[in-house]
Amino acid sequence: MKKEAVAIIVVVVIIVGLGLISTLNSKKVVDWTESFDERSNKPYGLSVLYKELPRLFKDNDIKTVYHTPYYYLSANSEDGYGDHIAEGTYMIIGGTNYLDESSVDELLYFAENGNTLFISDYYFPSVLMDSLGVKVNYAANKDSISSYQLRHQKNTKTISIDRNSNASYFEMLPVKANVLGTLKTNDSVSKQPNFIEIPFGDGFVYLHLEP
């Protein structure tokens, strides 16, 4: 089950990356607004990924959550008043600045009880990083080009992305963290982790720094 979850999340990251590269190669005027909207076809929109979710998570119900994690997860728990019990994978891409302490606590409780939490953003709420023992830093990138590589047995391809003046990476990780992806700017000497897996209770937390 763990290997399947890792493979699916790696595919998610690849789809987002390839969608961005496809737009980069286009000569049309591009809107670079970082909407992270599932209805948007812009470079930072998520329509391609959103359409692929049913195929990636076969035999699973896909629910789009428009409430805060605290409201949704507490309502759809064993003691809640919702119409189902939330379980499986909770995915958040971009815009995590709205997550307050109550939502972070609920998300970690969700993961701790045998589920998967995946978050992709340039930075995470301090309460989340403190709870997981991670710290994020930024690498100056003069030519705005970064190279990314996923550490997965079926995919070791390096992807280069421009328009990336500041590259985020993890400068501190818990001992139990597993590095799944790295980045390297043309200004840096070594690769830095930017995609990690952290075992958490009976579940896993995946943090990714290039939404």
Protein backbone atom coordinates (compact mmCIF):
# COMPACT_ATOMS: atom_id res chain seq x y z
CA MET A 1 0.00 0.00 0.00
CA LYS A 2 2.84 2.38 0.87
CA LYS A 3 4.63 1.71 -2.47
CA GLU A 4 1.39 2.35 -4.34
CA ALA A 5 0.84 5.63 -2.49
CA VAL A 6 4.40 6.78 -3.24
CA ALA A 7 4.02 5.87 -6.92
CA ILE A 8 0.73 7.79 -7.22
CA ILE A 9 2.15 10.88 -5.54
CA VAL A 10 5.24 10.76 -7.77
CA VAL A 11 2.95 10.61 -10.82
CA VAL A 12 1.02 13.62 -9.48
CA VAL A 13 4.26 15.61 -9.19
CA ILE A 14 5.31 14.58 -12.72
CA ILE A 15 1.94 15.61 -14.20
CA VAL A 16 2.14 19.04 -12.58
CA GLY A 17 5.73 19.45 -13.80
CA LEU A 18 5.00 18.36 -17.37
CA GLY A 19 1.98 20.65 -17.53
CA LEU A 20 4.18 23.57 -16.55
CA ILE A 21 6.88 22.62 -19.08
CA SER A 22 4.30 22.33 -21.86
CA THR A 23 3.19 25.89 -21.22
CA LEU A 24 6.76 27.13 -20.99
CA ASN A 25 7.40 25.86 -24.52
CA SER A 26 4.39 27.73 -25.91
CA LYS A 27 4.92 31.05 -27.74
CA LYS A 28 1.53 32.44 -26.67
CA VAL A 29 1.21 35.17 -24.06
CA VAL A 30 1.04 33.30 -20.77
CA ASP A 31 -0.79 34.25 -17.59
CA TRP A 32 1.53 33.28 -14.71
CA THR A 33 -1.00 33.92 -11.95
CA GLU A 34 -0.59 31.23 -9.31
CA SER A 35 -4.24 30.31 -8.92
CA PHE A 36 -3.82 26.58 -8.19
CA ASP A 37 -7.45 26.32 -9.29
CA GLU A 38 -8.77 22.93 -10.44
CA ARG A 39 -10.77 24.67 -13.19
CA SER A 40 -7.85 26.65 -14.63
CA ASN A 41 -5.79 25.69 -17.71
CA LYS A 42 -3.11 28.28 -16.92
CA PRO A 43 0.44 27.16 -16.00
CA TYR A 44 -0.36 27.24 -12.31
CA GLY A 45 -3.88 25.88 -12.74
CA LEU A 46 -4.68 22.28 -11.83
CA SER A 47 -7.21 21.24 -14.46
CA VAL A 48 -4.96 18.56 -16.01
CA LEU A 49 -4.18 16.99 -12.65
CA TYR A 50 -7.81 17.25 -11.54
CA LYS A 51 -9.00 15.35 -14.62
CA GLU A 52 -6.39 12.64 -14.02
CA LEU A 53 -7.29 12.02 -10.36
CA PRO A 54 -9.99 9.37 -11.05
CA ARG A 55 -7.47 7.39 -13.11
CA LEU A 56 -4.69 7.77 -10.54
CA PHE A 57 -6.93 6.82 -7.63
CA LYS A 58 -8.92 4.02 -9.24
CA ASP A 59 -11.82 2.55 -7.26
CA ASN A 60 -11.71 5.53 -4.88
CA ASP A 61 -14.14 8.39 -4.43
CA ILE A 62 -12.68 11.81 -5.29
CA LYS A 63 -14.08 14.68 -3.24
CA THR A 64 -13.29 18.37 -3.76
CA VAL A 65 -13.20 20.04 -0.35
CA TYR A 66 -14.22 23.70 -0.19
CA HIS A 67 -14.19 23.88 3.61
CA THR A 68 -11.21 24.20 5.94
CA PRO A 69 -9.53 20.89 6.87
CA TYR A 70 -10.66 21.40 10.45
CA TYR A 71 -14.32 21.76 9.48
CA TYR A 72 -14.29 18.93 6.91
CA LEU A 73 -12.27 16.35 8.86
CA SER A 74 -13.95 16.94 12.20
CA ALA A 75 -17.40 16.75 10.58
CA ASN A 76 -16.55 13.58 8.65
CA SER A 77 -15.04 11.61 11.52
CA GLU A 78 -16.37 8.71 13.58
CA ASP A 79 -17.86 11.18 16.06
CA GLY A 80 -18.84 13.77 13.45
CA TYR A 81 -22.13 14.61 11.80
CA GLY A 82 -21.02 14.23 8.16
CA ASP A 83 -22.33 11.69 5.66
CA HIS A 84 -19.09 9.67 5.51
CA ILE A 85 -15.85 9.01 7.37
CA ALA A 86 -12.91 10.77 5.72
CA GLU A 87 -10.05 8.38 4.93
CA GLY A 88 -7.42 7.88 2.24
CA THR A 89 -5.37 10.80 0.89
CA TYR A 90 -5.89 14.50 1.65
CA MET A 91 -4.17 16.65 -0.99
CA ILE A 92 -3.46 20.40 -0.79
CA ILE A 93 -1.64 22.26 -3.57
CA GLY A 94 -0.71 25.91 -3.00
CA GLY A 95 -2.23 28.54 -0.74
CA THR A 96 -1.53 26.86 2.60
CA ASN A 97 -1.36 30.22 4.39
CA TYR A 98 -5.05 29.78 5.26
CA LEU A 99 -4.27 26.75 7.46
CA ASP A 100 -4.62 27.68 11.12
CA GLU A 101 -3.51 25.61 14.09
CA SER A 102 -6.85 23.79 14.34
CA SER A 103 -6.70 22.69 10.70
CA VAL A 104 -3.07 21.59 11.00
CA ASP A 105 -3.88 19.55 14.10
CA GLU A 106 -6.79 17.89 12.31
CA LEU A 107 -4.66 17.10 9.24
CA LEU A 108 -1.92 15.53 11.35
CA TYR A 109 -4.50 13.54 13.31
CA PHE A 110 -5.87 12.32 9.97
CA ALA A 111 -2.40 11.14 8.88
CA GLU A 112 -1.60 9.67 12.28
CA ASN A 113 -4.60 7.37 12.00
CA GLY A 114 -3.38 5.52 8.93
CA ASN A 115 -4.06 8.03 6.16
CA THR A 116 -1.92 10.09 3.78
CA LEU A 117 -1.43 13.86 3.77
CA PHE A 118 0.16 15.48 0.69
CA ILE A 119 0.92 19.22 0.66
CA SER A 120 2.72 21.10 -2.11
CA ASP A 121 3.59 24.76 -1.55
CA TYR A 122 6.60 27.09 -1.46
CA TYR A 123 6.32 27.37 2.30
CA PHE A 124 4.24 25.80 5.05
CA PRO A 125 2.56 27.13 8.20
CA SER A 126 5.07 27.32 11.06
CA VAL A 127 2.88 25.15 13.29
CA LEU A 128 3.05 22.35 10.71
CA MET A 129 6.83 22.61 10.29
CA ASP A 130 7.38 22.72 14.05
CA SER A 131 5.19 19.64 14.54
CA LEU A 132 7.07 17.68 11.87
CA GLY A 133 10.56 18.98 12.66
CA VAL A 134 11.27 20.53 9.25
CA LYS A 135 12.67 23.89 8.20
CA VAL A 136 12.47 25.52 4.76
CA ASN A 137 15.02 27.86 3.18
CA TYR A 138 15.48 29.53 -0.19
CA ALA A 139 18.29 29.35 -2.72
CA ALA A 140 19.05 32.45 -4.77
CA ASN A 141 18.82 31.63 -8.45
CA LYS A 142 20.39 34.28 -10.70
CA ASP A 143 19.42 32.77 -14.06
CA SER A 144 16.01 31.53 -12.79
CA ILE A 145 16.64 27.95 -13.93
CA SER A 146 16.27 24.99 -11.57
CA SER A 147 16.71 21.26 -12.17
CA TYR A 148 14.48 18.75 -10.39
CA GLN A 149 14.86 15.02 -9.99
CA LEU A 150 12.54 12.47 -8.40
CA ARG A 151 14.17 9.61 -6.53
CA HIS A 152 11.93 6.82 -7.73
CA GLN A 153 12.96 3.47 -9.11
CA LYS A 154 10.86 3.90 -12.25
CA ASN A 155 11.71 7.53 -12.95
CA THR A 156 15.08 9.21 -12.53
CA LYS A 157 14.62 11.85 -15.24
CA THR A 158 15.80 15.38 -14.47
CA ILE A 159 13.36 18.20 -15.26
CA SER A 160 14.55 21.78 -15.82
CA ILE A 161 12.21 24.72 -15.17
CA ASP A 162 12.91 28.42 -15.73
CA ARG A 163 11.15 31.48 -14.24
CA ASN A 164 12.24 30.25 -10.84
CA SER A 165 14.17 33.07 -9.18
CA ASN A 166 13.91 31.60 -5.67
CA ALA A 167 14.06 27.84 -5.18
CA SER A 168 12.70 26.43 -1.92
CA TYR A 169 14.36 23.47 -0.21
CA PHE A 170 14.39 21.69 3.13
CA GLU A 171 17.38 22.71 5.22
CA MET A 172 16.31 20.62 8.23
CA LEU A 173 14.59 17.22 8.25
CA PRO A 174 13.60 14.73 10.94
CA VAL A 175 15.76 11.59 11.07
CA LYS A 176 12.91 9.40 9.85
CA ALA A 177 12.27 11.50 6.72
CA ASN A 178 12.79 9.92 3.31
CA VAL A 179 13.93 12.21 0.46
CA LEU A 180 11.86 11.58 -2.68
CA GLY A 181 12.99 14.52 -4.81
CA THR A 182 15.77 17.09 -5.08
CA LEU A 183 16.51 20.40 -6.78
CA LYS A 184 19.66 22.08 -7.97
CA THR A 185 19.99 25.66 -9.19
CA ASN A 186 22.77 26.76 -11.51
CA ASP A 187 24.12 28.81 -8.60
CA SER A 188 24.33 25.88 -6.17
CA VAL A 189 26.99 23.20 -5.86
CA SER A 190 24.90 20.32 -4.53
CA LYS A 191 21.35 19.03 -4.77
CA GLN A 192 18.91 19.96 -2.02
CA PRO A 193 15.80 18.02 -0.90
CA ASN A 194 12.49 19.53 -1.98
CA PHE A 195 10.14 16.52 -1.78
CA ILE A 196 10.02 14.35 1.33
CA GLU A 197 8.06 11.57 2.98
CA ILE A 198 7.63 11.53 6.76
CA PRO A 199 6.13 8.52 8.56
CA PHE A 200 3.58 9.88 11.00
CA GLY A 201 1.83 7.50 13.37
CA ASP A 202 0.18 4.85 11.20
CA GLY A 203 0.22 7.09 8.13
CA PHE A 204 2.46 9.34 6.07
CA VAL A 205 2.96 13.04 5.38
CA TYR A 206 4.38 14.13 2.01
CA LEU A 207 5.73 17.66 1.68
CA HIS A 208 6.63 19.11 -1.72
CA LEU A 209 8.12 22.56 -2.37
CA GLU A 210 7.42 23.17 -6.07
CA PRO A 211 3.63 23.42 -6.66
